[in-house]
Amino acid sequence: MIKFIKISLGFSILGLVILPGLAYAQILPPCTATGNCGICDFLQTFVNIIRWVLGILGGSALFLLIWHGFTWLSSAGNKERVDAGKKGLIHTVIGLVIIIGSWFLVNLTLVLLLTSTEQASQGQVVQSLFSGNVPWYQYCQGAGNAFCQQGWGEGTPCGSGKFCLKRVGSDNKPETTYSCSNKGANNQTEYENACHYWACHPTRKEYQYYNCVSDANDCVSGKILGPEYCSGSGMVCCERQDKQKYQCPGVSQSELSSCFSVSYISQDSCEEECPDWCESQNCPNYQCEESSPSYQCNCSE
């Protein structure tokens, strides 16, 4: 009976520690759908994996500490049970030391890899990313255009409901770097936030059922981008369980599954992505037409 109580208590605590984190465990960023990711997306994915693994290991360590501690306390003077509890606690502590040491080793490796040769020759041990004095774990922080240009990919939230994207510049040519705005590539279509952009993405449909919701219980487990993709306080961007779609700009609710046109900033991107977009809308025919300063992908049945 005591053993059953220990097992139940241990797994209950393990579940309380780990399961909330797993519910938000969408490790890969949405830019992987288009392939337009930057070095910051790689670093953030690495951090997400580390946090996920540490969450599991930390929860397991807590479970083992309680398990072996309870074994020791409930030994009632039984030498074998006392020894088993002590050994278990010692092994768990050793495991925690190994986990902490592993993170230290990873951090040290990044210091060695990302500290410039000039800084190393001057005796400076700075976790910098190729240049400057910015630690690697702070390199991808910030907001606005500078945030987008330091290595974030398409559709990354950059503050105040805006997101990173290459857009048509002042000379009606595609920008060479990402900028922070709430407008689409043609600078004409406005989106509420980054979640809205991905839900209404002109060529990718993986996020068409994503929306900003106030209750995370309405979300599909493992398909939650996070609150930073929404502009409202207390909201989170995720795939809704009821599959309700965002109202996309320029598209009426009755037209969500019908054929219509989308814009691209260059002829090459239009020719490359237009066929897949039209096919995803069950419209087999397509045509790219110049509509200065962009190119229009027209789908038809």
Protein backbone atom coordinates (compact mmCIF):
# COMPACT_ATOMS: atom_id res chain seq x y z
CA MET A 1 0.00 0.00 0.00
CA ILE A 2 2.82 2.38 0.93
CA LYS A 3 4.59 1.58 -2.34
CA PHE A 4 1.44 2.36 -4.31
CA ILE A 5 1.07 5.70 -2.49
CA LYS A 6 4.68 6.60 -3.28
CA ILE A 7 4.28 5.76 -6.96
CA SER A 8 1.04 7.74 -7.21
CA LEU A 9 2.50 10.74 -5.39
CA GLY A 10 5.66 10.68 -7.47
CA PHE A 11 3.94 10.53 -10.84
CA SER A 12 1.44 13.21 -9.77
CA ILE A 13 4.29 15.60 -8.98
CA LEU A 14 6.11 14.62 -12.16
CA GLY A 15 2.99 15.35 -14.18
CA LEU A 16 2.44 18.72 -12.52
CA VAL A 17 6.02 19.73 -13.29
CA ILE A 18 6.36 18.44 -16.86
CA LEU A 19 2.93 18.41 -18.52
CA PRO A 20 2.33 22.20 -18.49
CA GLY A 21 5.63 22.66 -20.33
CA LEU A 22 4.86 19.94 -22.84
CA ALA A 23 1.58 21.64 -23.70
CA TYR A 24 3.56 24.61 -24.99
CA ALA A 25 6.26 22.47 -26.60
CA GLN A 26 6.09 23.70 -30.20
CA ILE A 27 9.84 23.61 -30.54
CA LEU A 28 10.30 24.65 -34.20
CA PRO A 29 9.50 28.24 -35.25
CA PRO A 30 6.86 28.82 -37.95
CA CYS A 31 9.48 30.13 -40.40
CA THR A 32 10.51 26.51 -41.00
CA ALA A 33 7.33 26.21 -43.11
CA THR A 34 8.83 28.58 -45.69
CA GLY A 35 12.53 28.00 -45.00
CA ASN A 36 13.07 31.75 -44.40
CA CYS A 37 14.74 31.40 -41.00
CA GLY A 38 17.77 33.18 -39.58
CA ILE A 39 20.52 32.42 -37.11
CA CYS A 40 18.38 33.72 -34.24
CA ASP A 41 15.70 31.16 -35.07
CA PHE A 42 18.37 28.46 -34.83
CA LEU A 43 19.55 29.77 -31.46
CA GLN A 44 15.98 30.05 -30.15
CA THR A 45 15.22 26.48 -31.30
CA PHE A 46 18.36 25.32 -29.49
CA VAL A 47 17.22 27.15 -26.34
CA ASN A 48 13.71 25.65 -26.65
CA ILE A 49 15.15 22.13 -26.89
CA ILE A 50 17.43 22.74 -23.90
CA ARG A 51 14.52 24.08 -21.82
CA TRP A 52 12.34 21.14 -22.84
CA VAL A 53 15.03 18.59 -21.93
CA LEU A 54 15.90 20.37 -18.67
CA GLY A 55 12.20 20.45 -17.78
CA ILE A 56 11.95 16.68 -18.16
CA LEU A 57 15.22 16.04 -16.33
CA GLY A 58 14.35 18.49 -13.57
CA GLY A 59 10.92 16.94 -13.09
CA SER A 60 12.44 13.46 -13.04
CA ALA A 61 15.02 14.57 -10.46
CA LEU A 62 12.29 16.01 -8.24
CA PHE A 63 10.32 12.80 -8.54
CA LEU A 64 13.37 10.70 -7.58
CA LEU A 65 14.24 12.95 -4.64
CA ILE A 66 10.73 12.59 -3.25
CA TRP A 67 10.66 8.86 -3.99
CA HIS A 68 13.95 8.06 -2.26
CA GLY A 69 13.32 10.57 0.54
CA PHE A 70 9.98 8.94 1.27
CA THR A 71 11.66 5.51 1.15
CA TRP A 72 14.15 6.65 3.77
CA LEU A 73 11.54 8.31 6.01
CA SER A 74 9.20 5.33 5.87
CA SER A 75 11.95 2.75 6.49
CA ALA A 76 10.89 2.32 10.15
CA GLY A 77 14.48 1.46 11.08
CA ASN A 78 14.85 -1.19 8.35
CA LYS A 79 18.55 -1.03 7.45
CA GLU A 80 18.07 -2.19 3.86
CA ARG A 81 15.40 0.45 3.18
CA VAL A 82 17.50 3.15 4.86
CA ASP A 83 20.51 2.24 2.71
CA ALA A 84 18.37 2.10 -0.43
CA GLY A 85 16.93 5.55 0.30
CA LYS A 86 20.36 7.04 0.99
CA LYS A 87 21.89 5.55 -2.18
CA GLY A 88 18.96 6.76 -4.24
CA LEU A 89 19.31 10.30 -2.92
CA ILE A 90 23.06 10.29 -3.55
CA HIS A 91 22.59 9.03 -7.13
CA THR A 92 19.93 11.66 -7.78
CA VAL A 93 22.18 14.46 -6.52
CA ILE A 94 25.00 13.12 -8.72
CA GLY A 95 22.61 13.18 -11.66
CA LEU A 96 21.72 16.82 -10.94
CA VAL A 97 25.41 17.70 -10.80
CA ILE A 98 25.90 16.03 -14.20
CA ILE A 99 22.96 18.00 -15.65
CA ILE A 100 24.31 21.31 -14.34
CA GLY A 101 27.81 20.38 -15.51
CA SER A 102 26.46 19.58 -19.00
CA TRP A 103 24.90 23.03 -19.28
CA PHE A 104 28.15 24.60 -18.08
CA LEU A 105 30.02 22.63 -20.77
CA VAL A 106 27.58 23.80 -23.46
CA ASN A 107 27.93 27.39 -22.28
CA LEU A 108 31.71 27.13 -22.25
CA THR A 109 31.72 25.66 -25.76
CA LEU A 110 29.64 28.59 -27.02
CA VAL A 111 32.05 31.02 -25.34
CA LEU A 112 34.98 29.44 -27.18
CA LEU A 113 33.16 29.28 -30.52
CA LEU A 114 31.57 32.74 -30.46
CA THR A 115 34.33 34.85 -28.89
CA SER A 116 36.22 36.61 -31.67
CA THR A 117 39.96 36.04 -32.16
CA GLU A 118 40.65 39.71 -31.43
CA GLN A 119 38.82 39.57 -28.12
CA ALA A 120 40.59 36.34 -27.16
CA SER A 121 44.00 37.89 -27.93
CA GLN A 122 43.15 40.80 -25.64
CA GLY A 123 42.23 38.43 -22.84
CA GLN A 124 38.52 39.19 -23.06
CA VAL A 125 36.23 36.24 -22.39
CA VAL A 126 32.98 37.50 -23.87
CA GLN A 127 30.21 35.24 -25.15
CA SER A 128 29.84 37.33 -28.28
CA LEU A 129 28.23 36.31 -31.53
CA PHE A 130 30.98 36.85 -34.12
CA SER A 131 31.53 40.51 -33.20
CA GLY A 132 30.71 43.16 -30.59
CA ASN A 133 30.30 42.68 -26.87
CA VAL A 134 26.84 41.09 -26.82
CA PRO A 135 26.56 37.75 -24.96
CA TRP A 136 25.20 34.96 -27.16
CA TYR A 137 22.13 34.51 -24.98
CA GLN A 138 21.26 38.22 -25.34
CA TYR A 139 22.17 38.66 -29.01
CA CYS A 140 18.66 37.96 -30.30
CA GLN A 141 16.79 40.22 -27.89
CA GLY A 142 15.21 43.58 -28.59
CA ALA A 143 12.47 44.98 -30.81
CA GLY A 144 11.94 46.93 -34.02
CA ASN A 145 13.94 46.88 -37.25
CA ALA A 146 17.27 46.25 -35.51
CA PHE A 147 15.74 43.17 -33.90
CA CYS A 148 14.63 41.80 -37.28
CA GLN A 149 17.94 42.55 -38.99
CA GLN A 150 20.14 40.76 -36.48
CA GLY A 151 19.06 37.32 -37.67
CA TRP A 152 15.36 36.58 -37.17
CA GLY A 153 13.31 34.90 -39.88
CA GLU A 154 10.00 35.54 -41.59
CA GLY A 155 7.00 36.30 -39.38
CA THR A 156 8.92 36.63 -36.09
CA PRO A 157 7.14 38.97 -33.61
CA CYS A 158 9.11 42.19 -33.13
CA GLY A 159 6.81 44.01 -30.67
CA SER A 160 3.47 45.88 -30.66
CA GLY A 161 1.74 43.35 -32.92
CA LYS A 162 4.37 43.74 -35.65
CA PHE A 163 6.51 41.05 -37.28
CA CYS A 164 9.69 40.66 -39.36
CA LEU A 165 9.35 40.42 -43.14
CA LYS A 166 11.04 41.53 -46.37
CA ARG A 167 8.79 44.17 -47.89
CA VAL A 168 8.66 46.45 -50.92
CA GLY A 169 11.00 49.38 -50.27
CA SER A 170 10.63 53.08 -51.01
CA ASP A 171 11.94 52.57 -54.56
CA ASN A 172 9.28 49.89 -55.19
CA LYS A 173 11.91 47.16 -55.04
CA PRO A 174 12.04 44.30 -52.51
CA GLU A 175 14.02 45.17 -49.39
CA THR A 176 17.22 43.19 -48.91
CA THR A 177 16.78 42.91 -45.14
CA TYR A 178 13.86 42.23 -42.82
CA SER A 179 11.94 45.14 -41.32
CA CYS A 180 9.42 45.35 -38.48
CA SER A 181 5.85 46.20 -39.44
CA ASN A 182 2.31 44.84 -39.35
CA LYS A 183 1.99 44.96 -43.16
CA GLY A 184 2.52 42.21 -45.71
CA ALA A 185 5.23 41.97 -48.37
CA ASN A 186 3.48 44.48 -50.64
CA ASN A 187 3.08 47.03 -47.80
CA GLN A 188 -0.65 47.12 -48.50
CA THR A 189 -2.18 44.25 -46.55
CA GLU A 190 -2.38 44.96 -42.80
CA TYR A 191 -2.43 42.21 -40.19
CA GLU A 192 -3.44 42.41 -36.54
CA ASN A 193 -0.32 40.63 -35.35
CA ALA A 194 2.17 37.86 -36.22
CA CYS A 195 -0.40 35.15 -35.46
CA HIS A 196 -2.79 36.76 -37.95
CA TYR A 197 0.00 36.85 -40.57
CA TRP A 198 0.74 33.13 -40.29
CA ALA A 199 -2.94 32.18 -40.21
CA CYS A 200 -3.44 34.12 -43.46
CA HIS A 201 -0.07 33.36 -45.05
CA PRO A 202 -0.36 33.70 -48.84
CA THR A 203 1.38 30.41 -49.67
CA ARG A 204 1.50 28.19 -46.57
CA LYS A 205 -1.57 26.61 -44.99
CA GLU A 206 0.01 24.86 -41.98
CA TYR A 207 -1.18 27.65 -39.68
CA GLN A 208 -4.60 28.39 -41.18
CA TYR A 209 -6.39 27.28 -37.99
CA TYR A 210 -4.16 29.33 -35.66
CA ASN A 211 -5.75 32.18 -33.76
CA CYS A 212 -5.25 34.33 -30.67
CA VAL A 213 -7.29 32.94 -27.79
CA SER A 214 -7.61 33.92 -24.14
CA ASP A 215 -7.89 30.35 -22.82
CA ALA A 216 -5.04 27.93 -23.58
CA ASN A 217 -7.47 25.05 -23.00
CA ASP A 218 -8.96 25.91 -26.40
CA CYS A 219 -5.62 25.08 -28.05
CA VAL A 220 -4.41 21.86 -29.63
CA SER A 221 -1.63 20.45 -27.42
CA GLY A 222 1.83 20.93 -28.89
CA LYS A 223 0.64 23.52 -31.43
CA ILE A 224 1.07 26.74 -29.48
CA LEU A 225 3.34 29.50 -30.79
CA GLY A 226 3.03 31.62 -27.65
CA PRO A 227 1.69 34.98 -26.39
CA GLU A 228 4.32 37.08 -28.20
CA TYR A 229 2.55 36.35 -31.51
CA CYS A 230 -0.57 38.17 -30.25
CA SER A 231 -0.93 41.89 -29.60
CA GLY A 232 -3.52 41.61 -26.82
CA SER A 233 -2.66 41.04 -23.17
CA GLY A 234 -3.47 37.55 -21.88
CA MET A 235 -3.82 36.12 -25.40
CA VAL A 236 -1.90 33.17 -26.87
CA CYS A 237 -1.44 32.13 -30.50
CA CYS A 238 -2.28 28.49 -31.14
CA GLU A 239 -4.21 26.09 -33.33
CA ARG A 240 -7.81 26.16 -32.16
CA GLN A 241 -9.49 22.89 -31.35
CA ASP A 242 -12.69 24.08 -33.05
CA LYS A 243 -10.70 24.84 -36.26
CA GLN A 244 -12.11 28.37 -36.42
CA LYS A 245 -10.18 30.52 -38.88
CA TYR A 246 -8.97 34.09 -38.63
CA GLN A 247 -10.75 36.62 -40.83
CA CYS A 248 -8.05 37.27 -43.44
CA PRO A 249 -7.57 40.73 -44.99
CA GLY A 250 -9.50 41.21 -48.23
CA VAL A 251 -11.22 37.83 -47.93
CA SER A 252 -14.83 37.48 -46.84
CA GLN A 253 -15.82 34.55 -44.66
CA SER A 254 -17.60 32.92 -47.61
CA GLU A 255 -14.47 33.21 -49.76
CA LEU A 256 -12.09 31.43 -47.40
CA SER A 257 -12.20 28.25 -49.48
CA SER A 258 -12.70 29.97 -52.87
CA CYS A 259 -10.23 31.04 -55.55
CA PHE A 260 -8.72 34.51 -55.24
CA SER A 261 -5.49 36.44 -55.85
CA VAL A 262 -2.42 37.01 -53.72
CA SER A 263 0.53 39.38 -54.21
CA TYR A 264 4.27 38.74 -54.29
CA ILE A 265 7.14 41.21 -54.19
CA SER A 266 8.99 39.67 -57.17
CA GLN A 267 8.19 37.72 -60.33
CA ASP A 268 10.48 34.86 -59.27
CA SER A 269 8.66 34.33 -55.96
CA CYS A 270 5.32 34.54 -57.75
CA GLU A 271 6.29 31.95 -60.36
CA GLU A 272 7.76 29.67 -57.70
CA GLU A 273 4.98 29.78 -55.10
CA CYS A 274 1.85 30.58 -57.11
CA PRO A 275 1.26 26.97 -58.34
CA ASP A 276 1.39 25.52 -54.82
CA TRP A 277 -0.86 28.26 -53.47
CA CYS A 278 -3.52 27.77 -56.14
CA GLU A 279 -3.38 24.01 -55.70
CA SER A 280 -3.89 24.41 -51.94
CA GLN A 281 -7.07 26.39 -52.75
CA ASN A 282 -8.32 23.63 -55.07
CA CYS A 283 -7.83 25.96 -58.01
CA PRO A 284 -5.62 24.14 -60.55
CA ASN A 285 -5.08 27.09 -62.92
CA TYR A 286 -2.80 30.00 -62.13
CA GLN A 287 -1.22 33.03 -63.76
CA CYS A 288 1.36 35.58 -62.55
CA GLU A 289 0.70 39.13 -63.72
CA GLU A 290 2.65 42.31 -63.04
CA SER A 291 0.73 44.74 -60.84
CA SER A 292 3.27 47.42 -59.93
CA PRO A 293 4.97 47.42 -57.48
CA SER A 294 4.23 43.71 -57.01
CA TYR A 295 3.18 40.61 -58.96
CA GLN A 296 -0.30 39.15 -58.72
CA CYS A 297 -0.94 35.41 -58.54
CA ASN A 298 -4.42 34.80 -59.98
CA CYS A 299 -6.00 31.43 -59.26
CA SER A 300 -8.94 30.02 -61.18
CA GLU A 301 -10.82 26.76 -61.49
